[in-house]
């Protein structure tokens, strides 16, 4: 991979041409390696996967994340190395995919039983960064967990956790709950409104929460 400054990465990825093609290729290869390192640390979760399947997953993650990063270049503030910033994208995507694989076949009752473990895994995935920033992320996740557990009913919790925390598809969650897609949309809307109301009562918004998790 060609050594590049932060400015060189952004410039190369924004301008069509040979420099962009080389930068995209280098970024893809870097993300594949980063994904493989992350996945290698989750061996127990991938014990039933073959080596080729793990590599294929890393390739798929890298391909998706390259596009996501290219679309997010304007949000890169240069406060860290570009590759460090890019690495967070693929780690987040890999963590989400592993959660989705783990929980995709849960029943409604099983999902309720697993809820505490799901939030603990989310906290564990926020494993790098400045201590003050990590503490802020931990506090916000704990707050969201509290709101979801105390303000939402069982089906609303399952819908929010399934779609927004585990990355399950709308169809997978709808089947789990015995709903059609329109009914699931309504259930999610009502749940989000409750969450927004409880955040506003604490003088917070969704933007405050999301900002804490931006790389």
C-alpha atoms as a PDB file:
ATOM      1  CA  UNK A   1       0.000   0.000   0.000  1.00  0.00           C
ATOM      2  CA  UNK A   2       1.326   3.432  -0.970  1.00  0.00           C
ATOM      3  CA  UNK A   3       2.014   5.601   2.113  1.00  0.00           C
ATOM      4  CA  UNK A   4      -0.384   8.562   2.047  1.00  0.00           C
ATOM      5  CA  UNK A   5      -1.111  11.499   4.307  1.00  0.00           C
ATOM      6  CA  UNK A   6      -4.689  12.143   5.397  1.00  0.00           C
ATOM      7  CA  UNK A   7      -4.979  14.854   2.750  1.00  0.00           C
ATOM      8  CA  UNK A   8      -3.591  12.549   0.056  1.00  0.00           C
ATOM      9  CA  UNK A   9      -6.119   9.826   0.887  1.00  0.00           C
ATOM     10  CA  UNK A  10      -9.067  12.199   0.685  1.00  0.00           C
ATOM     11  CA  UNK A  11      -7.832  13.877  -2.505  1.00  0.00           C
ATOM     12  CA  UNK A  12      -7.146  10.574  -4.270  1.00  0.00           C
ATOM     13  CA  UNK A  13     -10.526   9.095  -3.329  1.00  0.00           C
ATOM     14  CA  UNK A  14     -12.443  12.178  -4.440  1.00  0.00           C
ATOM     15  CA  UNK A  15     -10.910  12.707  -7.883  1.00  0.00           C
ATOM     16  CA  UNK A  16     -11.751  10.180 -10.622  1.00  0.00           C
ATOM     17  CA  UNK A  17      -8.787   8.732 -12.456  1.00  0.00           C
ATOM     18  CA  UNK A  18      -5.819   6.432 -11.964  1.00  0.00           C
ATOM     19  CA  UNK A  19      -4.981   7.865  -8.525  1.00  0.00           C
ATOM     20  CA  UNK A  20      -8.511   7.122  -7.321  1.00  0.00           C
ATOM     21  CA  UNK A  21      -8.398   3.566  -8.684  1.00  0.00           C
ATOM     22  CA  UNK A  22      -5.107   2.921  -6.876  1.00  0.00           C
ATOM     23  CA  UNK A  23      -6.435   4.446  -3.650  1.00  0.00           C
ATOM     24  CA  UNK A  24      -9.628   2.374  -3.805  1.00  0.00           C
ATOM     25  CA  UNK A  25      -7.585  -0.788  -4.392  1.00  0.00           C
ATOM     26  CA  UNK A  26      -5.261  -0.013  -1.485  1.00  0.00           C
ATOM     27  CA  UNK A  27      -8.171   0.888   0.788  1.00  0.00           C
ATOM     28  CA  UNK A  28      -9.977  -2.332  -0.086  1.00  0.00           C
ATOM     29  CA  UNK A  29      -6.904  -4.445   0.678  1.00  0.00           C
ATOM     30  CA  UNK A  30      -6.357  -2.616   3.962  1.00  0.00           C
ATOM     31  CA  UNK A  31      -9.989  -3.142   4.996  1.00  0.00           C
ATOM     32  CA  UNK A  32      -9.838  -6.854   4.162  1.00  0.00           C
ATOM     33  CA  UNK A  33      -6.805  -7.229   6.434  1.00  0.00           C
ATOM     34  CA  UNK A  34      -8.463  -5.179   9.193  1.00  0.00           C
ATOM     35  CA  UNK A  35     -11.635  -7.276   8.956  1.00  0.00           C
ATOM     36  CA  UNK A  36      -9.635 -10.518   9.112  1.00  0.00           C
ATOM     37  CA  UNK A  37      -7.789  -9.327  12.215  1.00  0.00           C
ATOM     38  CA  UNK A  38     -11.096  -8.437  13.903  1.00  0.00           C
ATOM     39  CA  UNK A  39     -12.724 -11.724  12.877  1.00  0.00           C
ATOM     40  CA  UNK A  40      -9.710 -13.708  14.090  1.00  0.00           C
ATOM     41  CA  UNK A  41     -10.394 -12.315  17.566  1.00  0.00           C
ATOM     42  CA  UNK A  42     -13.929 -13.774  17.415  1.00  0.00           C
ATOM     43  CA  UNK A  43     -12.898 -17.389  16.781  1.00  0.00           C
ATOM     44  CA  UNK A  44     -15.519 -18.851  19.116  1.00  0.00           C
ATOM     45  CA  UNK A  45     -18.284 -17.142  17.131  1.00  0.00           C
ATOM     46  CA  UNK A  46     -16.861 -18.444  13.850  1.00  0.00           C
ATOM     47  CA  UNK A  47     -15.876 -21.929  15.020  1.00  0.00           C
ATOM     48  CA  UNK A  48     -18.204 -23.569  12.489  1.00  0.00           C
ATOM     49  CA  UNK A  49     -16.936 -21.414   9.605  1.00  0.00           C
ATOM     50  CA  UNK A  50     -14.277 -22.591   7.184  1.00  0.00           C
ATOM     51  CA  UNK A  51     -11.233 -20.433   6.423  1.00  0.00           C
ATOM     52  CA  UNK A  52     -12.551 -19.549   2.973  1.00  0.00           C
ATOM     53  CA  UNK A  53     -15.935 -18.509   4.369  1.00  0.00           C
ATOM     54  CA  UNK A  54     -14.244 -16.144   6.826  1.00  0.00           C
ATOM     55  CA  UNK A  55     -12.123 -14.650   4.039  1.00  0.00           C
ATOM     56  CA  UNK A  56     -15.200 -14.262   1.826  1.00  0.00           C
ATOM     57  CA  UNK A  57     -16.964 -12.435   4.659  1.00  0.00           C
ATOM     58  CA  UNK A  58     -13.974 -10.087   5.054  1.00  0.00           C
ATOM     59  CA  UNK A  59     -14.043  -9.419   1.300  1.00  0.00           C
ATOM     60  CA  UNK A  60     -17.777  -8.656   1.353  1.00  0.00           C
ATOM     61  CA  UNK A  61     -17.379  -6.352   4.341  1.00  0.00           C
ATOM     62  CA  UNK A  62     -14.501  -4.499   2.675  1.00  0.00           C
ATOM     63  CA  UNK A  63     -16.412  -4.008  -0.568  1.00  0.00           C
ATOM     64  CA  UNK A  64     -19.409  -2.551   1.251  1.00  0.00           C
ATOM     65  CA  UNK A  65     -17.289  -0.346   3.492  1.00  0.00           C
ATOM     66  CA  UNK A  66     -15.208   1.097   0.649  1.00  0.00           C
ATOM     67  CA  UNK A  67     -18.410   2.543  -0.790  1.00  0.00           C
ATOM     68  CA  UNK A  68     -19.554   3.762   2.626  1.00  0.00           C
ATOM     69  CA  UNK A  69     -16.229   5.486   3.253  1.00  0.00           C
ATOM     70  CA  UNK A  70     -16.204   7.133  -0.172  1.00  0.00           C
ATOM     71  CA  UNK A  71     -19.686   8.520   0.540  1.00  0.00           C
ATOM     72  CA  UNK A  72     -18.577   9.726   3.999  1.00  0.00           C
ATOM     73  CA  UNK A  73     -15.349  11.524   3.075  1.00  0.00           C
ATOM     74  CA  UNK A  74     -16.810  14.935   3.885  1.00  0.00           C
ATOM     75  CA  UNK A  75     -17.299  13.812   7.489  1.00  0.00           C
ATOM     76  CA  UNK A  76     -13.594  12.974   7.935  1.00  0.00           C
ATOM     77  CA  UNK A  77     -12.172  15.694  10.176  1.00  0.00           C
ATOM     78  CA  UNK A  78      -8.539  14.562  10.183  1.00  0.00           C
ATOM     79  CA  UNK A  79      -8.388  14.146  13.957  1.00  0.00           C
ATOM     80  CA  UNK A  80      -6.906  10.653  13.518  1.00  0.00           C
ATOM     81  CA  UNK A  81      -5.040   8.861  10.760  1.00  0.00           C
ATOM     82  CA  UNK A  82      -7.265   8.194   7.777  1.00  0.00           C
ATOM     83  CA  UNK A  83      -6.664   4.442   8.028  1.00  0.00           C
ATOM     84  CA  UNK A  84      -7.635   4.487  11.718  1.00  0.00           C
ATOM     85  CA  UNK A  85     -10.861   6.286  10.826  1.00  0.00           C
ATOM     86  CA  UNK A  86     -11.534   3.846   7.978  1.00  0.00           C
ATOM     87  CA  UNK A  87     -10.827   0.841  10.201  1.00  0.00           C
ATOM     88  CA  UNK A  88     -13.684   1.798  12.520  1.00  0.00           C
ATOM     89  CA  UNK A  89     -16.134   1.471   9.612  1.00  0.00           C
ATOM     90  CA  UNK A  90     -15.189  -2.113   8.845  1.00  0.00           C
ATOM     91  CA  UNK A  91     -15.047  -3.121  12.534  1.00  0.00           C
ATOM     92  CA  UNK A  92     -18.529  -1.710  13.115  1.00  0.00           C
ATOM     93  CA  UNK A  93     -19.830  -3.513  10.030  1.00  0.00           C
ATOM     94  CA  UNK A  94     -18.159  -6.795  11.043  1.00  0.00           C
ATOM     95  CA  UNK A  95     -19.534  -6.564  14.593  1.00  0.00           C
ATOM     96  CA  UNK A  96     -23.011  -5.905  13.222  1.00  0.00           C
ATOM     97  CA  UNK A  97     -22.780  -8.862  10.854  1.00  0.00           C
ATOM     98  CA  UNK A  98     -21.658 -11.228  13.604  1.00  0.00           C
ATOM     99  CA  UNK A  99     -24.567 -10.114  15.790  1.00  0.00           C
ATOM    100  CA  UNK A 100     -26.959 -10.596  12.890  1.00  0.00           C
ATOM    101  CA  UNK A 101     -25.640 -14.116  12.237  1.00  0.00           C
ATOM    102  CA  UNK A 102     -25.896 -14.986  15.927  1.00  0.00           C
ATOM    103  CA  UNK A 103     -29.420 -13.726  16.534  1.00  0.00           C
ATOM    104  CA  UNK A 104     -31.176 -14.079  13.181  1.00  0.00           C
ATOM    105  CA  UNK A 105     -33.017 -17.279  14.150  1.00  0.00           C
ATOM    106  CA  UNK A 106     -34.086 -16.271  17.660  1.00  0.00           C
ATOM    107  CA  UNK A 107     -37.709 -16.457  18.692  1.00  0.00           C
ATOM    108  CA  UNK A 108     -39.388 -13.540  20.461  1.00  0.00           C
ATOM    109  CA  UNK A 109     -38.928 -15.228  23.849  1.00  0.00           C
ATOM    110  CA  UNK A 110     -35.253 -16.013  23.157  1.00  0.00           C
ATOM    111  CA  UNK A 111     -34.594 -12.449  22.035  1.00  0.00           C
ATOM    112  CA  UNK A 112     -35.972 -11.163  25.329  1.00  0.00           C
ATOM    113  CA  UNK A 113     -33.707 -13.510  27.253  1.00  0.00           C
ATOM    114  CA  UNK A 114     -30.670 -12.401  25.232  1.00  0.00           C
ATOM    115  CA  UNK A 115     -31.300  -8.630  25.506  1.00  0.00           C
ATOM    116  CA  UNK A 116     -28.787  -7.969  28.343  1.00  0.00           C
ATOM    117  CA  UNK A 117     -26.080  -9.918  26.480  1.00  0.00           C
ATOM    118  CA  UNK A 118     -26.827  -7.982  23.294  1.00  0.00           C
ATOM    119  CA  UNK A 119     -26.221  -4.651  24.996  1.00  0.00           C
ATOM    120  CA  UNK A 120     -23.094  -5.966  26.698  1.00  0.00           C
ATOM    121  CA  UNK A 121     -21.709  -7.000  23.299  1.00  0.00           C
ATOM    122  CA  UNK A 122     -22.461  -3.524  21.967  1.00  0.00           C
ATOM    123  CA  UNK A 123     -20.483  -2.019  24.836  1.00  0.00           C
ATOM    124  CA  UNK A 124     -17.604  -4.423  24.197  1.00  0.00           C
ATOM    125  CA  UNK A 125     -17.471  -3.435  20.525  1.00  0.00           C
ATOM    126  CA  UNK A 126     -16.674   0.172  21.550  1.00  0.00           C
ATOM    127  CA  UNK A 127     -13.238  -1.004  22.607  1.00  0.00           C
ATOM    128  CA  UNK A 128     -10.880   1.663  21.278  1.00  0.00           C
ATOM    129  CA  UNK A 129     -10.582   5.386  21.637  1.00  0.00           C
ATOM    130  CA  UNK A 130      -9.999   8.022  24.261  1.00  0.00           C
ATOM    131  CA  UNK A 131     -11.169   7.049  27.780  1.00  0.00           C
ATOM    132  CA  UNK A 132     -13.455  10.088  28.045  1.00  0.00           C
ATOM    133  CA  UNK A 133     -15.072   9.276  24.703  1.00  0.00           C
ATOM    134  CA  UNK A 134     -15.537   5.615  25.611  1.00  0.00           C
ATOM    135  CA  UNK A 135     -17.141   6.635  28.906  1.00  0.00           C
ATOM    136  CA  UNK A 136     -19.578   8.859  27.010  1.00  0.00           C
ATOM    137  CA  UNK A 137     -20.433   5.997  24.633  1.00  0.00           C
ATOM    138  CA  UNK A 138     -20.944   3.643  27.583  1.00  0.00           C
ATOM    139  CA  UNK A 139     -23.264   6.120  29.321  1.00  0.00           C
ATOM    140  CA  UNK A 140     -25.377   6.649  26.207  1.00  0.00           C
ATOM    141  CA  UNK A 141     -25.701   2.916  25.508  1.00  0.00           C
ATOM    142  CA  UNK A 142     -26.668   2.331  29.140  1.00  0.00           C
ATOM    143  CA  UNK A 143     -29.279   5.089  28.861  1.00  0.00           C
ATOM    144  CA  UNK A 144     -30.706   3.622  25.655  1.00  0.00           C
ATOM    145  CA  UNK A 145     -30.825   0.184  27.250  1.00  0.00           C
ATOM    146  CA  UNK A 146     -32.678   1.610  30.241  1.00  0.00           C
ATOM    147  CA  UNK A 147     -35.222   3.425  28.034  1.00  0.00           C
ATOM    148  CA  UNK A 148     -35.787   0.364  25.856  1.00  0.00           C
ATOM    149  CA  UNK A 149     -36.229  -1.925  28.865  1.00  0.00           C
ATOM    150  CA  UNK A 150     -38.512   0.380  30.870  1.00  0.00           C
ATOM    151  CA  UNK A 151     -40.484   2.409  28.309  1.00  0.00           C
ATOM    152  CA  UNK A 152     -41.192  -0.067  25.501  1.00  0.00           C
ATOM    153  CA  UNK A 153     -43.439  -3.086  25.544  1.00  0.00           C
ATOM    154  CA  UNK A 154     -42.118  -6.531  24.658  1.00  0.00           C
ATOM    155  CA  UNK A 155     -42.910  -6.353  20.937  1.00  0.00           C
ATOM    156  CA  UNK A 156     -41.574  -2.820  20.587  1.00  0.00           C
ATOM    157  CA  UNK A 157     -38.336  -3.868  22.285  1.00  0.00           C
ATOM    158  CA  UNK A 158     -37.969  -6.864  19.992  1.00  0.00           C
ATOM    159  CA  UNK A 159     -38.544  -4.708  16.914  1.00  0.00           C
ATOM    160  CA  UNK A 160     -36.059  -1.999  17.959  1.00  0.00           C
ATOM    161  CA  UNK A 161     -33.373  -4.433  19.092  1.00  0.00           C
ATOM    162  CA  UNK A 162     -33.822  -6.714  16.080  1.00  0.00           C
ATOM    163  CA  UNK A 163     -33.760  -4.018  13.401  1.00  0.00           C
ATOM    164  CA  UNK A 164     -31.543  -1.324  14.916  1.00  0.00           C
ATOM    165  CA  UNK A 165     -29.177  -3.268  17.168  1.00  0.00           C
ATOM    166  CA  UNK A 166     -28.782  -6.663  15.514  1.00  0.00           C
ATOM    167  CA  UNK A 167     -29.156  -5.582  11.898  1.00  0.00           C
ATOM    168  CA  UNK A 168     -31.832  -8.151  11.121  1.00  0.00           C
ATOM    169  CA  UNK A 169     -33.903  -7.481   8.029  1.00  0.00           C
ATOM    170  CA  UNK A 170     -37.443  -6.144   8.252  1.00  0.00           C
ATOM    171  CA  UNK A 171     -38.703  -9.458   6.919  1.00  0.00           C
ATOM    172  CA  UNK A 172     -36.791 -11.460   9.556  1.00  0.00           C
ATOM    173  CA  UNK A 173     -38.142  -9.336  12.411  1.00  0.00           C
ATOM    174  CA  UNK A 174     -41.668  -9.298  10.963  1.00  0.00           C
ATOM    175  CA  UNK A 175     -41.632 -13.099  10.772  1.00  0.00           C
ATOM    176  CA  UNK A 176     -40.347 -13.336  14.362  1.00  0.00           C
ATOM    177  CA  UNK A 177     -43.215 -11.152  15.556  1.00  0.00           C
ATOM    178  CA  UNK A 178     -45.877 -12.618  13.283  1.00  0.00           C
ATOM    179  CA  UNK A 179     -46.491  -9.264  11.574  1.00  0.00           C
ATOM    180  CA  UNK A 180     -46.632  -7.946   8.046  1.00  0.00           C
ATOM    181  CA  UNK A 181     -44.197  -5.184   7.034  1.00  0.00           C
ATOM    182  CA  UNK A 182     -46.741  -2.375   7.437  1.00  0.00           C
ATOM    183  CA  UNK A 183     -47.561  -3.453  10.989  1.00  0.00           C
ATOM    184  CA  UNK A 184     -43.835  -3.652  11.785  1.00  0.00           C
ATOM    185  CA  UNK A 185     -43.293  -0.121  10.427  1.00  0.00           C
ATOM    186  CA  UNK A 186     -46.050   1.133  12.738  1.00  0.00           C
ATOM    187  CA  UNK A 187     -44.575  -0.751  15.696  1.00  0.00           C
ATOM    188  CA  UNK A 188     -41.120   0.733  15.032  1.00  0.00           C
ATOM    189  CA  UNK A 189     -42.557   4.230  14.597  1.00  0.00           C
ATOM    190  CA  UNK A 190     -44.344   4.077  17.943  1.00  0.00           C
ATOM    191  CA  UNK A 191     -41.234   2.701  19.666  1.00  0.00           C
ATOM    192  CA  UNK A 192     -39.011   5.445  18.205  1.00  0.00           C
ATOM    193  CA  UNK A 193     -41.452   8.113  19.316  1.00  0.00           C
ATOM    194  CA  UNK A 194     -41.293   6.798  22.892  1.00  0.00           C
ATOM    195  CA  UNK A 195     -37.489   6.764  22.802  1.00  0.00           C
ATOM    196  CA  UNK A 196     -37.345  10.312  21.400  1.00  0.00           C
ATOM    197  CA  UNK A 197     -39.730  11.516  24.104  1.00  0.00           C
ATOM    198  CA  UNK A 198     -37.598  10.025  26.876  1.00  0.00           C
ATOM    199  CA  UNK A 199     -34.413  11.507  25.372  1.00  0.00           C
ATOM    200  CA  UNK A 200     -36.035  14.941  25.119  1.00  0.00           C
ATOM    201  CA  UNK A 201     -37.091  14.660  28.758  1.00  0.00           C
ATOM    202  CA  UNK A 202     -33.370  14.369  29.523  1.00  0.00           C
ATOM    203  CA  UNK A 203     -32.563  17.307  27.215  1.00  0.00           C
ATOM    204  CA  UNK A 204     -30.980  14.981  24.646  1.00  0.00           C
ATOM    205  CA  UNK A 205     -31.694  14.231  20.998  1.00  0.00           C
ATOM    206  CA  UNK A 206     -30.905  11.347  18.664  1.00  0.00           C
ATOM    207  CA  UNK A 207     -28.167  13.554  17.217  1.00  0.00           C
ATOM    208  CA  UNK A 208     -26.451  13.749  20.611  1.00  0.00           C
ATOM    209  CA  UNK A 209     -26.380   9.949  20.811  1.00  0.00           C
ATOM    210  CA  UNK A 210     -25.182   9.423  17.243  1.00  0.00           C
ATOM    211  CA  UNK A 211     -22.443  12.046  17.578  1.00  0.00           C
ATOM    212  CA  UNK A 212     -20.845  10.044  20.373  1.00  0.00           C
ATOM    213  CA  UNK A 213     -20.366   7.060  18.037  1.00  0.00           C
ATOM    214  CA  UNK A 214     -18.983   8.863  15.005  1.00  0.00           C
ATOM    215  CA  UNK A 215     -15.326   8.090  14.384  1.00  0.00           C
END
